[in-house]
Protein backbone atom coordinates (compact mmCIF):
# COMPACT_ATOMS: atom_id res chain seq x y z
CA MET A 1 -131.60 -160.39 2.60
CA ARG A 2 -132.06 -163.87 4.12
CA LEU A 3 -135.01 -164.59 1.80
CA LEU A 4 -133.01 -163.36 -1.18
CA SER A 5 -130.09 -165.63 -0.27
CA ARG A 6 -132.37 -168.63 -0.04
CA THR A 7 -133.90 -167.83 -3.49
CA LEU A 8 -130.42 -167.56 -5.02
CA LEU A 9 -129.44 -170.87 -3.32
CA VAL A 10 -132.48 -172.76 -4.76
CA THR A 11 -131.93 -171.26 -8.19
CA ALA A 12 -128.31 -172.36 -8.12
CA VAL A 13 -129.25 -175.90 -7.16
CA LEU A 14 -131.91 -176.18 -9.88
CA LEU A 15 -129.41 -174.97 -12.46
CA THR A 16 -126.82 -177.58 -11.57
CA PRO A 17 -125.95 -179.36 -14.90
CA LEU A 18 -127.17 -182.94 -15.32
CA THR A 19 -128.64 -184.90 -18.17
CA ALA A 20 -132.42 -184.60 -18.11
CA ALA A 21 -134.47 -187.70 -17.50
CA THR A 22 -137.31 -188.60 -19.83
CA ASP A 23 -139.58 -190.72 -17.58
CA ALA A 24 -143.17 -190.47 -18.77
CA SER A 25 -144.39 -189.55 -15.26
CA ALA A 26 -142.16 -186.43 -15.06
CA THR A 27 -142.56 -182.97 -16.41
CA PRO A 28 -140.60 -182.79 -19.64
CA GLY A 29 -137.01 -181.58 -18.97
CA CYS A 30 -137.41 -181.92 -15.18
CA VAL A 31 -134.09 -182.76 -13.51
CA SER A 32 -134.16 -181.33 -9.97
CA SER A 33 -136.48 -179.87 -7.35
CA VAL A 34 -136.12 -178.59 -3.78
CA PRO A 35 -138.99 -179.83 -1.56
CA TYR A 36 -137.46 -178.50 1.67
CA VAL A 37 -135.68 -175.17 2.35
CA ALA A 38 -134.38 -174.29 5.82
CA GLY A 39 -136.38 -171.53 7.54
CA GLU A 40 -139.63 -172.17 5.48
CA GLY A 41 -142.84 -173.73 6.76
CA GLY A 42 -142.26 -172.84 10.37
CA TYR A 43 -139.09 -174.91 10.76
CA ASP A 44 -135.51 -173.79 11.28
CA THR A 45 -134.03 -176.82 9.62
CA TYR A 46 -135.09 -179.95 7.66
CA ARG A 47 -133.03 -183.09 8.08
CA ILE A 48 -133.11 -186.89 7.70
CA PRO A 49 -134.56 -187.60 4.20
CA ALA A 50 -136.61 -190.75 3.43
CA THR A 51 -138.52 -191.39 0.28
CA VAL A 52 -140.72 -194.13 -1.32
CA VAL A 53 -142.99 -194.38 -4.35
CA THR A 54 -146.56 -195.64 -3.81
CA GLY A 55 -148.34 -198.16 -5.99
CA LYS A 56 -150.04 -195.19 -7.80
CA GLY A 57 -146.64 -193.61 -8.61
CA THR A 58 -146.75 -190.84 -6.04
CA VAL A 59 -143.40 -189.89 -4.62
CA LEU A 60 -143.41 -189.32 -0.84
CA ALA A 61 -140.60 -187.26 0.60
CA PHE A 62 -140.37 -187.52 4.43
CA ALA A 63 -138.08 -185.43 6.63
CA GLU A 64 -137.60 -184.21 10.19
CA GLY A 65 -138.90 -180.67 10.66
CA ARG A 66 -136.69 -179.21 13.37
CA ARG A 67 -138.27 -176.13 14.98
CA GLY A 68 -135.60 -174.85 17.41
CA GLY A 69 -132.42 -175.40 15.34
CA ALA A 70 -130.45 -177.96 13.47
CA GLY A 71 -129.73 -180.12 16.56
CA ASP A 72 -130.96 -183.69 16.99
CA THR A 73 -132.92 -182.99 20.18
CA GLY A 74 -135.98 -180.74 20.90
CA ASP A 75 -139.23 -179.99 19.24
CA ILE A 76 -139.13 -182.13 16.03
CA ASP A 77 -141.90 -183.29 13.78
CA VAL A 78 -141.96 -185.85 11.01
CA VAL A 79 -143.17 -184.05 7.92
CA LEU A 80 -144.10 -185.05 4.33
CA ARG A 81 -144.54 -183.62 0.89
CA ARG A 82 -146.09 -185.57 -2.00
CA SER A 83 -145.26 -185.38 -5.70
CA MET A 84 -147.58 -186.56 -8.46
CA ASP A 85 -145.14 -185.96 -11.29
CA GLY A 86 -142.04 -187.94 -10.35
CA GLY A 87 -140.46 -185.45 -8.00
CA CYS A 88 -140.66 -182.35 -10.18
CA THR A 89 -143.24 -180.43 -8.19
CA TRP A 90 -144.50 -180.93 -4.62
CA GLY A 91 -147.78 -180.60 -2.73
CA PRO A 92 -148.13 -178.72 0.58
CA LEU A 93 -146.13 -179.78 3.63
CA VAL A 94 -148.09 -181.86 6.16
CA VAL A 95 -147.15 -183.06 9.64
CA VAL A 96 -147.30 -186.84 9.86
CA ALA A 97 -146.10 -187.26 13.48
CA ALA A 98 -146.08 -184.14 15.65
CA GLY A 99 -143.46 -183.76 18.36
CA ASN A 100 -145.53 -181.32 20.39
CA GLY A 101 -142.31 -180.30 22.10
CA ASP A 102 -140.74 -183.76 21.95
CA THR A 103 -138.58 -185.44 19.31
CA ARG A 104 -140.11 -187.60 16.57
CA GLY A 105 -137.86 -188.64 13.73
CA ASN A 106 -135.79 -191.23 11.90
CA PRO A 107 -138.48 -191.91 9.34
CA ALA A 108 -138.32 -195.38 7.73
CA PRO A 109 -141.15 -195.78 5.24
CA VAL A 110 -142.04 -198.80 3.16
CA VAL A 111 -144.93 -199.77 0.84
CA ASP A 112 -146.62 -203.03 1.78
CA PRO A 113 -146.74 -205.07 -1.54
CA ARG A 114 -149.85 -207.00 -0.47
CA THR A 115 -152.17 -204.05 0.36
CA GLY A 116 -150.42 -201.01 -1.08
CA ALA A 117 -150.49 -199.31 2.35
CA VAL A 118 -147.62 -197.04 3.26
CA VAL A 119 -146.11 -198.23 6.54
CA LEU A 120 -143.95 -195.70 8.45
CA LEU A 121 -141.73 -196.48 11.43
CA THR A 122 -140.32 -193.64 13.47
CA SER A 123 -138.37 -193.10 16.73
CA TYR A 124 -139.22 -190.89 19.71
CA ASN A 125 -137.75 -189.35 22.80
CA SER A 126 -138.55 -186.58 25.16
CA GLY A 127 -137.54 -183.21 23.82
CA LYS A 128 -136.08 -182.34 27.21
CA VAL A 129 -133.30 -185.01 27.11
CA THR A 130 -130.22 -185.34 24.93
CA GLU A 131 -128.69 -188.34 23.14
CA ALA A 132 -125.79 -188.24 25.57
CA GLN A 133 -128.12 -188.56 28.52
CA ILE A 134 -129.97 -191.45 26.89
CA MET A 135 -126.65 -193.15 26.17
CA ARG A 136 -125.60 -192.77 29.79
CA GLY A 137 -128.91 -194.32 31.05
CA GLU A 138 -129.93 -191.11 32.84
CA VAL A 139 -133.54 -191.04 31.61
CA THR A 140 -136.71 -192.91 32.39
CA PRO A 141 -138.10 -195.40 29.76
CA GLU A 142 -140.86 -192.92 29.02
CA GLN A 143 -138.27 -190.19 28.20
CA GLY A 144 -135.95 -192.51 26.26
CA ARG A 145 -136.01 -193.87 22.77
CA ARG A 146 -139.28 -195.44 21.76
CA VAL A 147 -140.51 -196.96 18.49
CA PHE A 148 -143.81 -196.19 16.65
CA VAL A 149 -145.61 -197.34 13.53
CA GLN A 150 -148.20 -195.56 11.33
CA ARG A 151 -150.15 -196.51 8.20
CA SER A 152 -151.60 -194.72 5.22
CA ARG A 153 -154.25 -196.40 3.00
CA ASP A 154 -154.87 -193.44 0.72
CA ASP A 155 -151.59 -192.89 -1.09
CA GLY A 156 -149.94 -190.98 1.69
CA ARG A 157 -152.62 -188.27 2.06
CA HIS A 158 -153.44 -189.29 5.63
CA PHE A 159 -151.71 -191.44 8.31
CA THR A 160 -153.00 -193.17 11.40
CA ALA A 161 -151.81 -191.92 14.80
CA PRO A 162 -148.44 -193.27 15.93
CA ARG A 163 -148.86 -196.70 17.60
CA GLU A 164 -146.07 -197.76 19.99
CA ILE A 165 -144.25 -201.07 19.35
CA THR A 166 -141.22 -200.46 21.65
CA ARG A 167 -141.72 -203.66 23.69
CA GLN A 168 -141.81 -205.79 20.57
CA VAL A 169 -138.55 -204.53 19.08
CA LYS A 170 -136.36 -203.03 21.77
CA LEU A 171 -134.39 -205.07 24.36
CA PRO A 172 -134.43 -203.79 27.96
CA SER A 173 -130.67 -203.30 28.00
CA TRP A 174 -130.67 -201.07 24.93
CA ARG A 175 -130.45 -197.27 25.36
CA TRP A 176 -130.16 -195.41 22.07
CA TYR A 177 -132.36 -196.61 19.30
CA ALA A 178 -132.97 -195.42 15.72
CA THR A 179 -135.10 -196.73 12.87
CA GLY A 180 -133.28 -196.44 9.50
CA PRO A 181 -133.18 -193.64 8.66
CA GLY A 182 -134.20 -193.86 5.06
CA HIS A 183 -136.64 -196.20 3.26
CA ALA A 184 -137.20 -199.75 4.58
CA ILE A 185 -137.85 -202.67 2.17
CA ALA A 186 -140.55 -205.19 1.37
CA LEU A 187 -139.19 -208.56 0.13
CA THR A 188 -140.67 -209.27 -3.25
CA HIS A 189 -139.38 -212.73 -4.19
CA GLY A 190 -138.09 -215.88 -2.48
CA PRO A 191 -139.50 -217.78 0.50
CA TYR A 192 -139.98 -214.56 2.55
CA ALA A 193 -141.87 -212.59 -0.07
CA GLY A 194 -144.11 -209.97 1.54
CA ARG A 195 -141.93 -209.54 4.58
CA LEU A 196 -141.26 -205.96 5.69
CA VAL A 197 -137.61 -205.42 6.81
CA VAL A 198 -136.64 -202.27 8.65
CA PRO A 199 -132.88 -201.73 9.24
CA ALA A 200 -132.22 -200.07 12.58
CA ASN A 201 -129.52 -199.53 15.25
CA HIS A 202 -129.08 -199.30 18.99
CA SER A 203 -126.63 -198.85 21.82
CA ALA A 204 -126.35 -201.16 24.75
CA ALA A 205 -125.59 -200.65 28.45
CA PRO A 206 -121.94 -201.46 29.30
CA PRO A 207 -121.21 -204.78 30.99
CA ALA A 208 -121.34 -204.89 34.78
CA GLY A 209 -118.22 -203.34 36.30
CA SER A 210 -117.36 -201.31 33.27
CA ALA A 211 -117.06 -197.46 33.36
CA ASP A 212 -120.54 -196.25 32.40
CA THR A 213 -119.65 -193.13 30.38
CA GLY A 214 -122.48 -193.82 27.94
CA GLN A 215 -120.34 -192.66 25.08
CA GLU A 216 -118.17 -195.75 24.65
CA PRO A 217 -118.32 -196.51 20.93
CA ARG A 218 -117.95 -200.25 21.45
CA TYR A 219 -121.56 -200.47 22.57
CA TYR A 220 -123.14 -199.62 19.17
CA GLY A 221 -124.90 -202.32 17.09
CA ALA A 222 -127.25 -202.80 14.22
CA HIS A 223 -130.37 -204.86 14.06
CA ALA A 224 -133.51 -205.44 11.90
CA LEU A 225 -137.25 -205.25 12.55
CA LEU A 226 -139.43 -207.76 10.74
CA SER A 227 -143.14 -207.99 10.02
CA ASP A 228 -144.91 -210.71 8.07
CA ASP A 229 -148.42 -209.24 8.32
CA GLY A 230 -148.09 -205.85 6.68
CA GLY A 231 -146.83 -204.02 9.72
CA ARG A 232 -149.50 -205.01 12.23
CA THR A 233 -147.07 -206.99 14.39
CA TRP A 234 -143.31 -206.74 14.65
CA ARG A 235 -140.39 -208.69 16.02
CA LEU A 236 -136.65 -208.43 16.07
CA GLY A 237 -134.61 -210.05 13.30
CA PHE A 238 -130.84 -210.23 13.49
CA VAL A 239 -129.08 -208.41 16.29
CA ASP A 240 -125.45 -207.31 15.96
CA ASP A 241 -124.32 -207.46 19.56
CA SER A 242 -120.55 -207.93 19.38
CA TYR A 243 -119.91 -204.46 20.94
CA GLU A 244 -116.16 -204.97 20.45
CA GLY A 245 -115.33 -201.45 19.24
CA VAL A 246 -113.69 -202.55 16.00
CA HIS A 247 -116.86 -202.49 13.87
CA ASN A 248 -119.58 -200.20 15.25
CA ALA A 249 -122.59 -200.76 13.01
CA ASN A 250 -124.87 -197.74 13.32
CA GLU A 251 -127.38 -196.09 10.92
CA SER A 252 -128.34 -198.81 8.44
CA THR A 253 -129.92 -199.40 5.01
CA ALA A 254 -131.01 -202.48 3.14
CA ALA A 255 -131.88 -203.87 -0.28
CA GLN A 256 -133.04 -207.24 -1.61
CA LEU A 257 -130.74 -208.64 -4.24
CA PRO A 258 -131.92 -210.56 -7.36
CA ASP A 259 -130.88 -213.89 -5.70
CA GLY A 260 -133.23 -213.20 -2.77
CA ARG A 261 -130.65 -212.30 -0.20
CA VAL A 262 -130.87 -209.08 1.80
CA TYR A 263 -127.87 -206.75 1.64
CA PHE A 264 -127.28 -204.55 4.74
CA ASN A 265 -124.91 -201.56 4.70
CA ALA A 266 -124.21 -199.50 7.83
CA ARG A 267 -122.35 -196.46 9.04
CA ASP A 268 -119.33 -197.37 11.14
CA GLN A 269 -119.70 -195.16 14.15
CA HIS A 270 -116.02 -194.54 15.01
CA GLY A 271 -114.89 -198.11 15.06
CA THR A 272 -111.14 -198.73 15.30
CA SER A 273 -111.01 -200.46 11.93
CA THR A 274 -110.01 -198.57 8.82
CA GLY A 275 -113.08 -197.46 6.88
CA ASN A 276 -116.40 -195.81 7.53
CA ARG A 277 -118.82 -198.33 5.92
CA LEU A 278 -119.68 -201.84 7.06
CA ASP A 279 -121.84 -204.48 5.33
CA SER A 280 -123.21 -207.99 5.48
CA HIS A 281 -125.85 -210.23 3.90
CA SER A 282 -128.81 -212.28 5.16
CA GLY A 283 -130.02 -215.38 3.42
CA ASP A 284 -133.12 -215.79 5.64
CA GLY A 285 -134.93 -212.51 5.09
CA GLY A 286 -133.17 -210.56 7.81
CA ARG A 287 -133.62 -213.01 10.64
CA THR A 288 -129.87 -213.70 10.88
CA LEU A 289 -126.70 -212.41 9.19
CA ASP A 290 -124.60 -214.73 7.01
CA ARG A 291 -121.45 -213.21 8.65
CA PRO A 292 -120.75 -210.39 11.11
CA TYR A 293 -120.48 -206.86 9.75
CA THR A 294 -117.09 -206.11 8.23
CA VAL A 295 -115.57 -203.12 6.52
CA GLN A 296 -116.59 -202.45 2.89
CA PRO A 297 -113.19 -201.18 1.55
CA THR A 298 -114.50 -199.98 -1.82
CA LEU A 299 -116.58 -197.26 -0.06
CA ASN A 300 -113.64 -195.76 1.87
CA ASP A 301 -114.33 -192.40 0.22
CA VAL A 302 -117.45 -192.05 2.32
CA PRO A 303 -117.15 -190.13 5.60
CA VAL A 304 -118.92 -191.05 8.85
CA VAL A 305 -122.54 -190.46 7.69
CA GLN A 306 -125.75 -192.20 6.89
CA GLY A 307 -126.05 -193.68 3.35
CA SER A 308 -128.65 -195.40 1.11
CA VAL A 309 -128.73 -198.54 -1.03
CA LEU A 310 -131.16 -199.49 -3.80
CA GLN A 311 -131.29 -202.60 -5.94
CA LEU A 312 -132.43 -201.80 -9.48
CA PRO A 313 -134.92 -204.18 -11.03
CA GLY A 314 -133.67 -207.00 -13.29
CA ARG A 315 -131.58 -210.10 -12.87
CA ARG A 316 -128.30 -208.44 -13.87
CA ALA A 317 -129.15 -204.90 -12.69
CA PRO A 318 -126.72 -203.20 -10.32
CA LEU A 319 -126.97 -202.39 -6.67
CA LEU A 320 -126.59 -198.70 -5.96
CA PHE A 321 -125.16 -196.78 -2.96
CA SER A 322 -125.33 -193.04 -2.28
CA GLY A 323 -123.39 -190.87 0.12
CA PRO A 324 -120.86 -188.02 0.25
CA SER A 325 -117.57 -188.74 -1.44
CA VAL A 326 -114.97 -186.85 0.60
CA PRO A 327 -113.71 -189.12 3.42
CA THR A 328 -112.98 -186.24 5.77
CA ALA A 329 -116.02 -184.04 5.10
CA ARG A 330 -119.73 -184.20 4.33
CA ARG A 331 -119.43 -183.00 0.76
CA ALA A 332 -119.81 -184.07 -2.91
CA MET A 333 -122.88 -186.33 -2.99
CA ALA A 334 -122.19 -189.34 -5.23
CA VAL A 335 -123.58 -192.64 -6.43
CA TRP A 336 -121.65 -195.98 -6.52
CA ARG A 337 -122.58 -199.16 -8.39
CA SER A 338 -122.04 -202.78 -7.51
CA THR A 339 -122.50 -205.56 -10.08
CA ASP A 340 -121.70 -208.40 -7.66
CA GLY A 341 -124.31 -208.02 -4.91
CA GLY A 342 -122.32 -205.66 -2.75
CA THR A 343 -118.94 -207.39 -2.80
CA GLY A 344 -117.38 -204.26 -4.36
CA PHE A 345 -118.51 -200.82 -5.47
CA THR A 346 -117.40 -198.39 -8.16
CA LYS A 347 -118.22 -194.66 -8.07
CA VAL A 348 -120.19 -193.80 -11.23
CA LEU A 349 -121.59 -190.28 -10.69
CA THR A 350 -120.87 -187.18 -8.53
CA LEU A 351 -123.86 -184.90 -8.32
CA SER A 352 -121.93 -181.79 -7.27
CA GLN A 353 -119.02 -180.66 -5.09
CA GLN A 354 -121.29 -178.83 -2.63
CA PRO A 355 -121.75 -179.77 1.05
CA ALA A 356 -123.94 -182.83 1.36
CA ALA A 357 -124.87 -185.37 4.04
CA TYR A 358 -127.80 -187.83 4.45
CA SER A 359 -129.53 -189.23 1.30
CA ASP A 360 -132.20 -191.75 0.20
CA LEU A 361 -132.48 -193.47 -3.16
CA VAL A 362 -135.89 -194.35 -4.77
CA PRO A 363 -136.87 -196.07 -8.10
CA LEU A 364 -138.97 -193.75 -10.34
CA GLY A 365 -139.38 -196.20 -13.27
CA PRO A 366 -137.45 -198.39 -15.61
CA ARG A 367 -135.21 -195.55 -16.79
CA THR A 368 -134.95 -193.23 -13.80
CA VAL A 369 -133.75 -193.20 -10.15
CA GLY A 370 -134.47 -190.43 -7.64
CA ILE A 371 -132.26 -189.22 -4.80
CA LEU A 372 -133.47 -187.04 -1.94
CA TYR A 373 -130.50 -185.55 -0.11
CA GLU A 374 -129.29 -182.84 2.25
CA THR A 375 -127.16 -180.16 0.63
CA GLY A 376 -126.48 -176.43 0.32
CA ALA A 377 -124.24 -173.85 -1.32
CA ARG A 378 -122.46 -172.96 1.94
CA GLY A 379 -123.90 -175.24 4.65
CA THR A 380 -124.82 -178.90 4.62
CA TYR A 381 -128.40 -178.52 5.81
CA GLU A 382 -129.69 -175.49 3.82
CA THR A 383 -131.97 -177.54 1.57
CA MET A 384 -133.17 -181.02 0.66
CA GLU A 385 -132.85 -181.48 -3.10
CA PHE A 386 -134.62 -184.16 -5.13
CA ARG A 387 -132.56 -185.13 -8.15
CA ARG A 388 -133.73 -187.37 -11.00
CA LEU A 389 -130.97 -189.62 -12.36
CA PRO A 390 -131.12 -191.46 -15.62
CA VAL A 391 -130.37 -195.14 -15.10
CA ASP A 392 -128.11 -195.09 -18.18
CA ASP A 393 -125.78 -192.72 -16.27
CA LEU A 394 -125.51 -195.32 -13.48
């Protein structure tokens, strides 16, 4: 019965009405596919989508494969499926970073424009500790959140073993730490062309004398990781360290605008201000922010959840944002458009009214955008769907 229900669920998703894309790299008439289904491949649940397209046009769909349940802690691998036809069909599931009982996740992939290598950043913690324990400072550095990088030089078929870069990118006072999740970016024009920029977030220890509950929301902040040598060495870029509780920048995403600036958009993790999305810009390639994070009021339909941004190519092309569109629930995945570099957004497409949560946008060609997102007929994390969206609809 459980297998039958999953089959019906996937069939329902694939039959969801949407105008078919006509990209040359796709199977004719292909609109949607489901690379991950809960309970298949040895995993209870798949979460945390991240996707990029390689220089050869291969779509890489990363996720967390959670063995013991849907929770954020435990035995979790970073897994990958590859598509050679624009996200219509998928190759076998492979493990890119094995947890081996511990937690590896928050994939943040990016393609290095100079070499074509796929660079993947991920986060780690012991599978025996919880986020709450890490936030309270009750774990050793080895058990806590650590940062790793991997590379693939063969179009995502194989990746190097995870290499730790924690000391380069994590301050000693930070406790929680998360790369992305979702794709990172490579700057393609302007004085910082070639730089890899990975949006990330952290929590800090409370000031001396404060009550150390570890769950105080005012200690959340966003930051960026930068590399100017294709991911071999890393350093911190901007650090949002106000910790004032009004704007709590958390899971983050980034895009380079046509004018060369980097646009950052972040989840507001229970800040006291009205609104669940924050944003800012950087004019120096992510090294500093032009202004502190503030609420993006035109995205107030979005609940507290991760989101994704993508700048379409072209001088006058729009900036896109994806996320659920019910402010009080993770439901109704939608896409918004900005024609002024993120100053304001307008909702242009709702994919369905089904439960939906995390998402990641990816360019598939001049006429098509892809979105990999968590969804399901009854529950939010039943599948990850890959939907092809005609640019004309956006």
